[in-house]
Amino acid sequence: MRKLLFILLVVSCSGTKNSTDISGTYASDMPGAAEQFLSGKQYTTGDILQLHKDSTYMHTICAQISHGRWEVKGDSLYLFCNDIRFKIDSLNTMEQYKKGTICGTAPEAYSIDGTVLLNRAKFKGAGYLYTRLKKQ
């Protein structure tokens, strides 16, 4: 009887873990032009986020690639940057681009909506820049 109870407990716990597994590859998924126009939101394009099962990530954006660790709390995903580099390696050593190789102190936060990750970031004088990533 105890063995059966133990097996049921293990199976039920492992089922819970799998339901929160969001690892995989996510890519930019912009709304249509009409939706963007009506909402007045600016969306990023060309982003690829790879969430590895060991809780590390690689995020590729327009000119940079960042690596770090990720964690889920409730309905939010947090990316903790460890390293950020320019895709064009020669830029990584140029003084005028040094700020572009420094990770921020706060994690990047995304809300989780099924297979879609949503982020809103303050953009220089232009309000907010939105990122919408869909699981591939």
C-alpha atoms as a PDB file:
ATOM      1  CA  MET A   1       0.000   0.000   0.000  1.00  0.00           C
ATOM      2  CA  ARG A   2       2.822   2.407   0.854  1.00  0.00           C
ATOM      3  CA  LYS A   3       4.531   1.602  -2.456  1.00  0.00           C
ATOM      4  CA  LEU A   4       1.351   2.435  -4.353  1.00  0.00           C
ATOM      5  CA  LEU A   5       0.960   5.718  -2.459  1.00  0.00           C
ATOM      6  CA  PHE A   6       4.598   6.599  -3.171  1.00  0.00           C
ATOM      7  CA  ILE A   7       4.198   5.841  -6.904  1.00  0.00           C
ATOM      8  CA  LEU A   8       1.050   7.980  -7.116  1.00  0.00           C
ATOM      9  CA  LEU A   9       2.837  10.847  -5.367  1.00  0.00           C
ATOM     10  CA  VAL A  10       5.817  10.679  -7.743  1.00  0.00           C
ATOM     11  CA  VAL A  11       3.596  10.538 -10.830  1.00  0.00           C
ATOM     12  CA  SER A  12       1.442  13.449  -9.678  1.00  0.00           C
ATOM     13  CA  CYS A  13       4.493  15.611  -8.891  1.00  0.00           C
ATOM     14  CA  SER A  14       6.176  14.849 -12.197  1.00  0.00           C
ATOM     15  CA  GLY A  15       2.963  15.757 -14.020  1.00  0.00           C
ATOM     16  CA  THR A  16       2.987  19.155 -12.343  1.00  0.00           C
ATOM     17  CA  LYS A  17       6.583  19.777 -13.375  1.00  0.00           C
ATOM     18  CA  ASN A  18       5.898  19.033 -17.043  1.00  0.00           C
ATOM     19  CA  SER A  19       2.951  21.410 -17.169  1.00  0.00           C
ATOM     20  CA  THR A  20       5.223  24.357 -16.315  1.00  0.00           C
ATOM     21  CA  ASP A  21       8.044  23.406 -18.687  1.00  0.00           C
ATOM     22  CA  ILE A  22       8.375  26.307 -21.101  1.00  0.00           C
ATOM     23  CA  SER A  23      11.783  25.363 -22.496  1.00  0.00           C
ATOM     24  CA  GLY A  24      12.154  25.558 -26.261  1.00  0.00           C
ATOM     25  CA  THR A  25      12.697  28.102 -29.016  1.00  0.00           C
ATOM     26  CA  TYR A  26      10.635  31.279 -29.279  1.00  0.00           C
ATOM     27  CA  ALA A  27      10.690  33.744 -32.172  1.00  0.00           C
ATOM     28  CA  SER A  28       9.238  37.188 -32.868  1.00  0.00           C
ATOM     29  CA  ASP A  29       5.556  37.032 -33.679  1.00  0.00           C
ATOM     30  CA  MET A  30       4.294  40.469 -34.605  1.00  0.00           C
ATOM     31  CA  PRO A  31       0.613  41.270 -34.831  1.00  0.00           C
ATOM     32  CA  GLY A  32      -0.722  42.212 -38.230  1.00  0.00           C
ATOM     33  CA  ALA A  33      -0.244  45.751 -39.555  1.00  0.00           C
ATOM     34  CA  ALA A  34      -3.849  46.740 -38.805  1.00  0.00           C
ATOM     35  CA  GLU A  35      -3.612  45.577 -35.177  1.00  0.00           C
ATOM     36  CA  GLN A  36      -0.308  47.415 -34.738  1.00  0.00           C
ATOM     37  CA  PHE A  37      -1.734  50.595 -36.249  1.00  0.00           C
ATOM     38  CA  LEU A  38      -4.875  50.502 -34.126  1.00  0.00           C
ATOM     39  CA  SER A  39      -2.971  49.740 -30.912  1.00  0.00           C
ATOM     40  CA  GLY A  40      -0.217  52.273 -31.607  1.00  0.00           C
ATOM     41  CA  LYS A  41       2.390  49.811 -30.294  1.00  0.00           C
ATOM     42  CA  GLN A  42       5.877  49.325 -31.713  1.00  0.00           C
ATOM     43  CA  TYR A  43       7.064  45.698 -31.835  1.00  0.00           C
ATOM     44  CA  THR A  44      10.548  44.233 -32.122  1.00  0.00           C
ATOM     45  CA  THR A  45      11.366  41.900 -35.003  1.00  0.00           C
ATOM     46  CA  GLY A  46      13.914  39.154 -35.545  1.00  0.00           C
ATOM     47  CA  ASP A  47      14.239  38.068 -31.905  1.00  0.00           C
ATOM     48  CA  ILE A  48      15.013  34.429 -31.110  1.00  0.00           C
ATOM     49  CA  LEU A  49      14.958  33.188 -27.522  1.00  0.00           C
ATOM     50  CA  GLN A  50      16.156  29.679 -26.706  1.00  0.00           C
ATOM     51  CA  LEU A  51      15.174  28.461 -23.246  1.00  0.00           C
ATOM     52  CA  HIS A  52      17.200  25.366 -22.408  1.00  0.00           C
ATOM     53  CA  LYS A  53      15.954  22.660 -20.040  1.00  0.00           C
ATOM     54  CA  ASP A  54      18.900  23.342 -17.679  1.00  0.00           C
ATOM     55  CA  SER A  55      17.428  26.852 -17.064  1.00  0.00           C
ATOM     56  CA  THR A  56      19.976  28.674 -19.225  1.00  0.00           C
ATOM     57  CA  TYR A  57      19.082  30.773 -22.238  1.00  0.00           C
ATOM     58  CA  MET A  58      20.442  32.390 -25.367  1.00  0.00           C
ATOM     59  CA  HIS A  59      18.635  35.489 -26.661  1.00  0.00           C
ATOM     60  CA  THR A  60      19.508  36.744 -30.128  1.00  0.00           C
ATOM     61  CA  ILE A  61      18.303  40.190 -31.121  1.00  0.00           C
ATOM     62  CA  CYS A  62      19.153  42.534 -33.967  1.00  0.00           C
ATOM     63  CA  ALA A  63      22.838  43.152 -33.157  1.00  0.00           C
ATOM     64  CA  GLN A  64      23.477  41.266 -29.917  1.00  0.00           C
ATOM     65  CA  ILE A  65      23.447  37.847 -28.307  1.00  0.00           C
ATOM     66  CA  SER A  66      22.959  37.411 -24.565  1.00  0.00           C
ATOM     67  CA  HIS A  67      23.317  34.365 -22.339  1.00  0.00           C
ATOM     68  CA  GLY A  68      22.157  33.751 -18.809  1.00  0.00           C
ATOM     69  CA  ARG A  69      19.718  31.811 -16.700  1.00  0.00           C
ATOM     70  CA  TRP A  70      15.939  31.879 -16.599  1.00  0.00           C
ATOM     71  CA  GLU A  71      13.246  31.120 -14.070  1.00  0.00           C
ATOM     72  CA  VAL A  72       9.477  31.113 -13.934  1.00  0.00           C
ATOM     73  CA  LYS A  73       7.522  32.658 -11.079  1.00  0.00           C
ATOM     74  CA  GLY A  74       3.763  32.429 -11.409  1.00  0.00           C
ATOM     75  CA  ASP A  75       2.842  33.612 -14.907  1.00  0.00           C
ATOM     76  CA  SER A  76       6.120  35.462 -15.482  1.00  0.00           C
ATOM     77  CA  LEU A  77       9.449  34.501 -17.037  1.00  0.00           C
ATOM     78  CA  TYR A  78      12.597  36.226 -15.788  1.00  0.00           C
ATOM     79  CA  LEU A  79      15.844  36.325 -17.771  1.00  0.00           C
ATOM     80  CA  PHE A  80      18.978  36.978 -15.696  1.00  0.00           C
ATOM     81  CA  CYS A  81      21.757  38.083 -18.053  1.00  0.00           C
ATOM     82  CA  ASN A  82      25.301  36.784 -17.439  1.00  0.00           C
ATOM     83  CA  ASP A  83      26.924  37.829 -20.723  1.00  0.00           C
ATOM     84  CA  ILE A  84      25.997  40.044 -23.651  1.00  0.00           C
ATOM     85  CA  ARG A  85      28.011  40.461 -26.850  1.00  0.00           C
ATOM     86  CA  PHE A  86      27.673  42.054 -30.244  1.00  0.00           C
ATOM     87  CA  LYS A  87      27.283  39.673 -33.191  1.00  0.00           C
ATOM     88  CA  ILE A  88      30.076  41.546 -34.989  1.00  0.00           C
ATOM     89  CA  ASP A  89      32.988  40.601 -32.749  1.00  0.00           C
ATOM     90  CA  SER A  90      35.136  43.671 -33.500  1.00  0.00           C
ATOM     91  CA  LEU A  91      32.478  45.895 -31.857  1.00  0.00           C
ATOM     92  CA  ASN A  92      32.966  44.093 -28.523  1.00  0.00           C
ATOM     93  CA  THR A  93      36.394  45.701 -28.066  1.00  0.00           C
ATOM     94  CA  MET A  94      35.581  49.236 -29.257  1.00  0.00           C
ATOM     95  CA  GLU A  95      35.361  51.816 -26.474  1.00  0.00           C
ATOM     96  CA  GLN A  96      32.264  53.582 -27.841  1.00  0.00           C
ATOM     97  CA  TYR A  97      30.279  50.315 -27.654  1.00  0.00           C
ATOM     98  CA  LYS A  98      31.375  49.168 -24.161  1.00  0.00           C
ATOM     99  CA  LYS A  99      27.935  49.945 -22.674  1.00  0.00           C
ATOM    100  CA  GLY A 100      26.407  47.487 -25.138  1.00  0.00           C
ATOM    101  CA  THR A 101      28.350  44.632 -23.544  1.00  0.00           C
ATOM    102  CA  ILE A 102      27.146  45.224 -19.976  1.00  0.00           C
ATOM    103  CA  CYS A 103      24.179  43.261 -18.650  1.00  0.00           C
ATOM    104  CA  GLY A 104      21.532  45.193 -16.763  1.00  0.00           C
ATOM    105  CA  THR A 105      21.130  44.664 -13.030  1.00  0.00           C
ATOM    106  CA  ALA A 106      17.407  43.826 -13.175  1.00  0.00           C
ATOM    107  CA  PRO A 107      16.090  40.696 -14.910  1.00  0.00           C
ATOM    108  CA  GLU A 108      14.178  41.044 -18.164  1.00  0.00           C
ATOM    109  CA  ALA A 109      10.560  40.092 -17.436  1.00  0.00           C
ATOM    110  CA  TYR A 110       8.041  38.480 -19.781  1.00  0.00           C
ATOM    111  CA  SER A 111       4.451  37.543 -19.073  1.00  0.00           C
ATOM    112  CA  ILE A 112       3.546  34.017 -20.148  1.00  0.00           C
ATOM    113  CA  ASP A 113       0.340  33.617 -22.129  1.00  0.00           C
ATOM    114  CA  GLY A 114       0.168  29.986 -23.244  1.00  0.00           C
ATOM    115  CA  THR A 115       2.850  29.610 -25.921  1.00  0.00           C
ATOM    116  CA  VAL A 116       3.452  33.367 -26.192  1.00  0.00           C
ATOM    117  CA  LEU A 117       5.879  35.496 -24.171  1.00  0.00           C
ATOM    118  CA  LEU A 118       5.167  39.226 -23.894  1.00  0.00           C
ATOM    119  CA  ASN A 119       7.504  42.027 -22.806  1.00  0.00           C
ATOM    120  CA  ARG A 120       7.103  45.785 -22.580  1.00  0.00           C
ATOM    121  CA  ALA A 121      10.259  47.881 -22.239  1.00  0.00           C
ATOM    122  CA  LYS A 122      10.728  51.630 -21.931  1.00  0.00           C
ATOM    123  CA  PHE A 123      12.307  52.956 -25.106  1.00  0.00           C
ATOM    124  CA  LYS A 124      14.327  56.169 -25.465  1.00  0.00           C
ATOM    125  CA  GLY A 125      11.747  58.931 -25.730  1.00  0.00           C
ATOM    126  CA  ALA A 126       9.432  56.796 -27.870  1.00  0.00           C
ATOM    127  CA  GLY A 127       7.232  55.336 -25.172  1.00  0.00           C
ATOM    128  CA  TYR A 128       7.365  51.550 -25.025  1.00  0.00           C
ATOM    129  CA  LEU A 129       8.790  48.870 -27.254  1.00  0.00           C
ATOM    130  CA  TYR A 130       6.928  45.549 -27.206  1.00  0.00           C
ATOM    131  CA  THR A 131       8.328  42.091 -27.755  1.00  0.00           C
ATOM    132  CA  ARG A 132       6.008  39.201 -28.565  1.00  0.00           C
ATOM    133  CA  LEU A 133       7.653  35.799 -28.873  1.00  0.00           C
ATOM    134  CA  LYS A 134       5.816  32.654 -29.930  1.00  0.00           C
ATOM    135  CA  LYS A 135       6.997  29.095 -29.262  1.00  0.00           C
ATOM    136  CA  GLN A 136       8.143  27.417 -32.461  1.00  0.00           C
END
